[in-house]
N, C-alpha and C. Protein backbone atom coordinates (compact mmCIF):
# COMPACT_ATOMS: atom_id res chain seq x y z
N MET A 1 -78.89 -86.93 -131.35
CA MET A 1 -77.68 -87.41 -132.26
C MET A 1 -76.46 -86.86 -132.06
N SER A 2 -75.34 -87.57 -132.09
CA SER A 2 -74.17 -87.13 -131.84
C SER A 2 -73.62 -85.84 -132.93
N LYS A 3 -72.90 -84.93 -132.22
CA LYS A 3 -72.24 -84.05 -133.17
C LYS A 3 -71.00 -84.38 -133.62
N HIS A 4 -70.47 -85.27 -132.87
CA HIS A 4 -69.11 -85.91 -133.47
C HIS A 4 -69.28 -87.47 -133.85
N GLN A 5 -68.19 -87.96 -134.68
CA GLN A 5 -68.25 -89.32 -135.02
C GLN A 5 -67.61 -90.03 -133.82
N ILE A 6 -67.76 -91.15 -133.04
CA ILE A 6 -67.34 -91.80 -132.19
C ILE A 6 -67.23 -93.17 -132.34
N HIS A 7 -66.38 -93.81 -131.96
CA HIS A 7 -65.98 -95.29 -131.57
C HIS A 7 -65.90 -95.47 -129.95
N LEU A 8 -66.86 -96.18 -129.38
CA LEU A 8 -66.78 -96.30 -127.87
C LEU A 8 -66.52 -97.71 -127.51
N LEU A 9 -65.81 -97.78 -126.85
CA LEU A 9 -65.22 -99.05 -126.21
C LEU A 9 -65.42 -99.22 -124.41
N ASP A 10 -66.21 -100.30 -124.14
CA ASP A 10 -66.66 -100.27 -122.83
C ASP A 10 -66.05 -101.50 -122.08
N LEU A 11 -65.07 -101.27 -121.34
CA LEU A 11 -64.05 -102.18 -120.77
C LEU A 11 -65.03 -102.84 -119.30
N GLN A 12 -65.99 -102.30 -119.06
CA GLN A 12 -66.81 -103.12 -118.07
C GLN A 12 -66.31 -102.62 -116.93
N ALA A 13 -65.05 -102.28 -116.61
CA ALA A 13 -64.56 -101.73 -115.38
C ALA A 13 -63.38 -100.74 -115.88
N ALA A 14 -62.79 -100.13 -115.00
CA ALA A 14 -61.89 -99.32 -114.84
C ALA A 14 -60.56 -99.94 -114.65
N TYR A 15 -59.51 -99.63 -115.91
CA TYR A 15 -58.21 -100.41 -116.10
C TYR A 15 -57.21 -99.27 -116.25
N ARG A 16 -56.22 -99.51 -116.04
CA ARG A 16 -55.18 -99.13 -116.45
C ARG A 16 -54.48 -99.35 -117.82
N VAL A 17 -54.52 -98.64 -118.69
CA VAL A 17 -53.81 -98.77 -119.97
C VAL A 17 -52.56 -98.41 -120.45
N SER A 18 -52.13 -99.31 -121.10
CA SER A 18 -50.46 -99.24 -121.70
C SER A 18 -50.65 -98.69 -123.21
N ILE A 19 -51.24 -99.65 -124.06
CA ILE A 19 -51.20 -99.14 -125.56
C ILE A 19 -52.56 -99.34 -125.86
N VAL A 20 -52.99 -98.53 -126.82
CA VAL A 20 -54.20 -98.46 -127.89
C VAL A 20 -53.65 -98.90 -129.64
N ASP A 21 -54.13 -99.64 -130.02
CA ASP A 21 -54.00 -100.04 -131.19
C ASP A 21 -55.01 -99.72 -132.44
N VAL A 22 -54.95 -98.60 -133.41
CA VAL A 22 -55.82 -98.42 -134.40
C VAL A 22 -55.52 -98.97 -135.84
N THR A 23 -56.11 -99.57 -136.04
CA THR A 23 -56.22 -100.01 -137.67
C THR A 23 -57.46 -99.35 -138.26
N TYR A 24 -56.87 -98.58 -139.55
CA TYR A 24 -57.59 -97.95 -140.26
C TYR A 24 -58.26 -98.79 -141.61
N ARG A 25 -59.29 -98.79 -142.14
CA ARG A 25 -59.66 -99.39 -143.18
C ARG A 25 -58.94 -98.99 -143.98
N GLY A 26 -58.84 -99.99 -145.05
CA GLY A 26 -57.93 -100.10 -146.28
C GLY A 26 -58.42 -99.59 -147.63
N ASP A 27 -59.80 -99.84 -147.70
CA ASP A 27 -60.61 -99.91 -148.83
C ASP A 27 -61.43 -98.56 -149.22
N CYS A 28 -61.37 -97.46 -148.46
CA CYS A 28 -62.16 -96.27 -148.36
C CYS A 28 -61.68 -95.04 -147.66
N CYS A 29 -62.19 -93.67 -148.07
CA CYS A 29 -62.22 -92.78 -147.24
C CYS A 29 -60.82 -92.01 -146.83
N PRO A 30 -59.81 -91.96 -147.93
CA PRO A 30 -58.60 -91.31 -147.46
C PRO A 30 -58.71 -90.01 -146.82
N ASP A 31 -59.84 -89.07 -146.80
CA ASP A 31 -59.66 -87.82 -146.44
C ASP A 31 -60.06 -87.92 -144.91
N ASN A 32 -60.67 -89.00 -144.21
CA ASN A 32 -60.99 -89.22 -143.04
C ASN A 32 -59.93 -90.00 -142.13
N ARG A 33 -59.03 -90.10 -142.55
CA ARG A 33 -57.69 -90.68 -142.01
C ARG A 33 -56.81 -89.65 -141.14
N LYS A 34 -57.49 -88.89 -140.52
CA LYS A 34 -56.65 -87.76 -139.97
C LYS A 34 -57.40 -87.39 -138.65
N ASP A 35 -56.73 -86.57 -137.96
CA ASP A 35 -57.12 -85.64 -136.73
C ASP A 35 -58.11 -86.30 -135.82
N PHE A 36 -58.03 -87.44 -135.63
CA PHE A 36 -58.83 -88.16 -134.85
C PHE A 36 -58.45 -88.15 -133.18
N GLN A 37 -59.10 -88.46 -132.16
CA GLN A 37 -58.45 -88.58 -130.96
C GLN A 37 -58.89 -89.85 -130.22
N ILE A 38 -58.02 -90.29 -129.17
CA ILE A 38 -58.13 -91.41 -128.48
C ILE A 38 -58.44 -90.55 -126.99
N ARG A 39 -59.47 -91.19 -126.46
CA ARG A 39 -59.57 -90.55 -124.74
C ARG A 39 -60.14 -91.43 -124.24
N PHE A 40 -59.80 -91.14 -122.60
CA PHE A 40 -60.36 -92.46 -121.41
C PHE A 40 -60.75 -91.68 -120.45
N SER A 41 -61.86 -92.38 -120.03
CA SER A 41 -62.38 -91.72 -118.78
C SER A 41 -63.22 -92.89 -118.07
N ASN A 42 -63.62 -92.63 -116.85
CA ASN A 42 -64.82 -93.44 -116.22
C ASN A 42 -66.32 -92.60 -116.68
N SER A 43 -66.09 -91.50 -117.41
CA SER A 43 -67.57 -90.79 -117.65
C SER A 43 -68.01 -90.61 -119.05
N LEU A 44 -69.04 -90.85 -119.47
CA LEU A 44 -69.56 -90.78 -120.87
C LEU A 44 -70.05 -89.25 -121.10
N GLN A 45 -69.87 -88.25 -120.29
CA GLN A 45 -70.66 -87.16 -120.47
C GLN A 45 -70.05 -86.49 -121.41
N ASP A 46 -70.92 -85.68 -122.26
CA ASP A 46 -70.50 -85.41 -123.90
C ASP A 46 -70.13 -86.21 -124.52
N GLU A 47 -70.38 -87.48 -124.43
CA GLU A 47 -69.76 -88.58 -125.23
C GLU A 47 -68.27 -88.87 -124.88
N GLY A 48 -67.95 -88.40 -124.09
CA GLY A 48 -66.27 -88.79 -123.62
C GLY A 48 -65.33 -87.35 -124.28
N ASN A 49 -66.19 -86.62 -125.08
CA ASN A 49 -65.34 -85.47 -125.83
C ASN A 49 -64.27 -84.75 -124.54
N ASP A 50 -64.73 -84.54 -123.27
CA ASP A 50 -64.24 -83.81 -122.20
C ASP A 50 -62.89 -84.41 -121.48
N ASN A 51 -63.01 -85.67 -121.84
CA ASN A 51 -62.12 -87.04 -121.08
C ASN A 51 -60.74 -86.55 -121.19
N PRO A 52 -59.71 -87.13 -120.54
CA PRO A 52 -58.40 -86.87 -120.61
C PRO A 52 -57.78 -87.49 -122.13
N ARG A 53 -57.15 -86.90 -122.99
CA ARG A 53 -56.75 -87.44 -124.10
C ARG A 53 -55.36 -88.56 -123.99
N CYS A 54 -55.32 -89.61 -124.75
CA CYS A 54 -54.29 -90.18 -124.90
C CYS A 54 -53.55 -89.98 -125.94
N ALA A 55 -53.84 -89.58 -127.08
CA ALA A 55 -53.40 -89.54 -128.51
C ALA A 55 -54.09 -88.47 -129.08
N VAL A 56 -53.66 -87.58 -130.07
CA VAL A 56 -54.37 -86.90 -131.25
C VAL A 56 -53.31 -87.70 -132.25
N VAL A 57 -54.12 -88.49 -133.19
CA VAL A 57 -53.77 -89.09 -134.53
C VAL A 57 -53.71 -88.27 -135.76
N SER A 58 -52.78 -87.50 -136.19
CA SER A 58 -52.62 -86.74 -137.29
C SER A 58 -52.94 -87.69 -138.55
N THR A 59 -52.38 -88.65 -138.99
CA THR A 59 -52.94 -89.52 -140.05
C THR A 59 -52.39 -90.90 -140.02
N ILE A 60 -53.08 -91.88 -140.40
CA ILE A 60 -52.88 -93.05 -140.46
C ILE A 60 -52.84 -93.64 -141.89
N PRO A 61 -51.82 -94.54 -142.75
CA PRO A 61 -52.05 -94.65 -144.12
C PRO A 61 -53.27 -95.80 -144.31
N ALA A 62 -54.07 -95.87 -145.37
CA ALA A 62 -54.77 -97.00 -145.62
C ALA A 62 -54.44 -98.29 -145.11
N GLY A 63 -55.04 -99.10 -144.37
CA GLY A 63 -54.96 -100.30 -143.96
C GLY A 63 -53.74 -100.76 -142.73
N ALA A 64 -53.54 -99.54 -142.29
CA ALA A 64 -51.99 -99.62 -141.62
C ALA A 64 -52.63 -99.65 -139.98
N THR A 65 -51.92 -100.27 -139.25
CA THR A 65 -52.41 -100.21 -137.80
C THR A 65 -51.25 -99.53 -136.74
N TYR A 66 -51.27 -98.63 -136.21
CA TYR A 66 -50.40 -97.91 -135.41
C TYR A 66 -50.90 -97.99 -133.86
N SER A 67 -49.65 -98.02 -133.15
CA SER A 67 -49.95 -98.11 -131.57
C SER A 67 -49.72 -96.78 -130.89
N TYR A 68 -50.23 -96.41 -129.89
CA TYR A 68 -50.34 -95.24 -129.11
C TYR A 68 -50.13 -95.75 -127.59
N SER A 69 -48.99 -95.04 -127.01
CA SER A 69 -48.86 -95.22 -125.59
C SER A 69 -49.46 -94.34 -124.82
N CYS A 70 -50.19 -94.91 -123.90
CA CYS A 70 -51.28 -94.11 -122.91
C CYS A 70 -50.47 -93.91 -121.77
N HIS A 71 -49.95 -94.85 -121.16
CA HIS A 71 -48.90 -94.42 -120.11
C HIS A 71 -49.52 -94.67 -118.93
N GLY A 72 -50.36 -95.55 -118.76
CA GLY A 72 -51.21 -96.32 -117.55
C GLY A 72 -52.22 -95.26 -117.28
N MET A 73 -52.87 -94.47 -118.37
CA MET A 73 -54.08 -93.75 -118.06
C MET A 73 -54.97 -94.97 -117.71
N GLU A 74 -55.97 -94.44 -116.80
CA GLU A 74 -57.08 -95.02 -116.15
C GLU A 74 -58.54 -94.84 -116.89
N GLY A 75 -59.54 -96.16 -116.96
CA GLY A 75 -60.85 -95.37 -117.48
C GLY A 75 -61.67 -96.61 -118.03
N ARG A 76 -62.77 -96.63 -117.80
CA ARG A 76 -63.78 -97.65 -118.11
C ARG A 76 -63.87 -97.40 -119.63
N TYR A 77 -63.99 -96.31 -120.11
CA TYR A 77 -64.62 -95.91 -121.51
C TYR A 77 -63.43 -95.45 -122.17
N VAL A 78 -63.29 -96.16 -123.44
CA VAL A 78 -62.41 -95.64 -124.24
C VAL A 78 -63.17 -95.26 -125.65
N THR A 79 -62.77 -93.91 -126.09
CA THR A 79 -63.37 -93.18 -126.95
C THR A 79 -62.16 -92.67 -128.10
N VAL A 80 -62.63 -92.99 -129.20
CA VAL A 80 -61.80 -92.45 -130.58
C VAL A 80 -62.89 -91.71 -131.20
N ASN A 81 -62.49 -90.42 -131.46
CA ASN A 81 -63.38 -89.56 -132.04
C ASN A 81 -62.89 -88.84 -133.27
N ILE A 82 -63.31 -88.11 -133.97
CA ILE A 82 -63.29 -87.21 -134.95
C ILE A 82 -63.92 -85.81 -134.26
N PRO A 83 -63.39 -84.75 -133.86
CA PRO A 83 -63.95 -83.54 -133.27
C PRO A 83 -64.89 -82.95 -134.64
N ALA A 84 -64.27 -82.78 -135.82
CA ALA A 84 -64.68 -82.12 -136.96
C ALA A 84 -66.29 -82.90 -137.11
N ALA A 85 -67.27 -82.22 -137.03
CA ALA A 85 -68.74 -82.92 -137.36
C ALA A 85 -69.00 -83.14 -139.05
N SER A 86 -68.33 -83.02 -139.57
CA SER A 86 -68.18 -83.03 -141.05
C SER A 86 -67.51 -84.22 -141.34
N MET A 87 -66.58 -84.82 -140.53
CA MET A 87 -66.09 -86.03 -140.91
C MET A 87 -66.82 -87.40 -140.72
N VAL A 88 -66.23 -88.33 -141.29
CA VAL A 88 -66.81 -89.80 -141.02
C VAL A 88 -66.00 -90.48 -140.38
N LEU A 89 -66.02 -91.48 -139.07
CA LEU A 89 -64.83 -92.00 -138.53
C LEU A 89 -64.91 -93.61 -139.21
N THR A 90 -63.96 -94.04 -139.94
CA THR A 90 -64.29 -95.39 -140.73
C THR A 90 -62.90 -96.15 -140.28
N LEU A 91 -63.17 -96.52 -138.87
CA LEU A 91 -61.97 -97.49 -138.37
C LEU A 91 -62.14 -99.22 -138.81
N CYS A 92 -60.93 -99.73 -138.65
CA CYS A 92 -61.16 -101.27 -139.04
C CYS A 92 -61.24 -101.77 -137.51
N GLU A 93 -60.35 -101.50 -136.62
CA GLU A 93 -60.20 -102.11 -135.39
C GLU A 93 -59.44 -101.52 -134.34
N VAL A 94 -59.74 -101.48 -133.19
CA VAL A 94 -59.41 -100.67 -132.26
C VAL A 94 -59.20 -101.83 -130.88
N GLY A 95 -57.51 -101.97 -130.70
CA GLY A 95 -57.10 -102.58 -129.50
C GLY A 95 -56.71 -101.76 -128.44
N VAL A 96 -57.19 -102.30 -127.23
CA VAL A 96 -56.74 -101.79 -126.02
C VAL A 96 -56.05 -102.71 -124.96
N TYR A 97 -55.05 -102.00 -124.87
CA TYR A 97 -54.23 -103.14 -123.95
C TYR A 97 -53.89 -102.56 -122.15
N ALA A 98 -54.66 -103.04 -121.49
CA ALA A 98 -54.58 -102.98 -120.34
C ALA A 98 -53.55 -103.62 -119.10
N ILE A 99 -53.25 -102.84 -118.23
CA ILE A 99 -52.05 -103.52 -117.59
C ILE A 99 -52.73 -103.99 -115.94
N PHE A 100 -52.29 -105.39 -115.90
CA PHE A 100 -52.70 -106.02 -114.89
C PHE A 100 -51.57 -106.15 -113.65
N PRO A 101 -52.12 -106.47 -112.41
CA PRO A 101 -51.04 -106.69 -111.68
C PRO A 101 -50.01 -107.77 -111.99
N GLY A 102 -48.63 -107.46 -111.90
CA GLY A 102 -47.56 -108.25 -112.10
C GLY A 102 -47.21 -108.16 -113.60
N ASN A 103 -47.59 -106.94 -114.04
CA ASN A 103 -47.09 -106.16 -115.50
C ASN A 103 -47.44 -107.08 -116.50
N SER A 104 -48.47 -107.92 -116.47
CA SER A 104 -49.00 -108.45 -117.82
C SER A 104 -50.06 -107.63 -118.44
N ASP A 105 -49.84 -107.69 -119.74
CA ASP A 105 -50.84 -107.05 -120.34
C ASP A 105 -52.05 -107.97 -121.02
N VAL A 106 -53.44 -107.40 -121.28
CA VAL A 106 -54.23 -108.42 -121.83
C VAL A 106 -55.22 -107.21 -123.06
N CYS A 107 -55.52 -107.89 -123.65
CA CYS A 107 -56.09 -106.70 -125.05
C CYS A 107 -57.56 -106.86 -125.24
N PHE A 108 -57.94 -105.91 -125.09
CA PHE A 108 -59.64 -105.74 -125.31
C PHE A 108 -59.80 -105.27 -126.64
N ALA A 109 -60.44 -106.06 -127.64
CA ALA A 109 -60.52 -105.45 -129.06
C ALA A 109 -61.92 -105.49 -129.39
């Protein structure tokens, strides 16, 4: 069983990522809308908790969508987690924009 709350997105291949959009639920859990991390890598060792970090999210208002620049970080697995074992991760949506040759982006949601 996981010691951390985690949302995992498997892109099925390694991609360079430009932006990650995170939308938080608007209907509950105001105390859980802070202090989570967005990480990338090709490894799921330790549920991705040791992978390079794209962003640390201090807070998101209920129902809001925030975008985080990942500056071309590369990985197959995108994890969003709350390190505190006592917190519950309650996201609405996570969108990942990958960089493809020719500078066009595609979204994995």
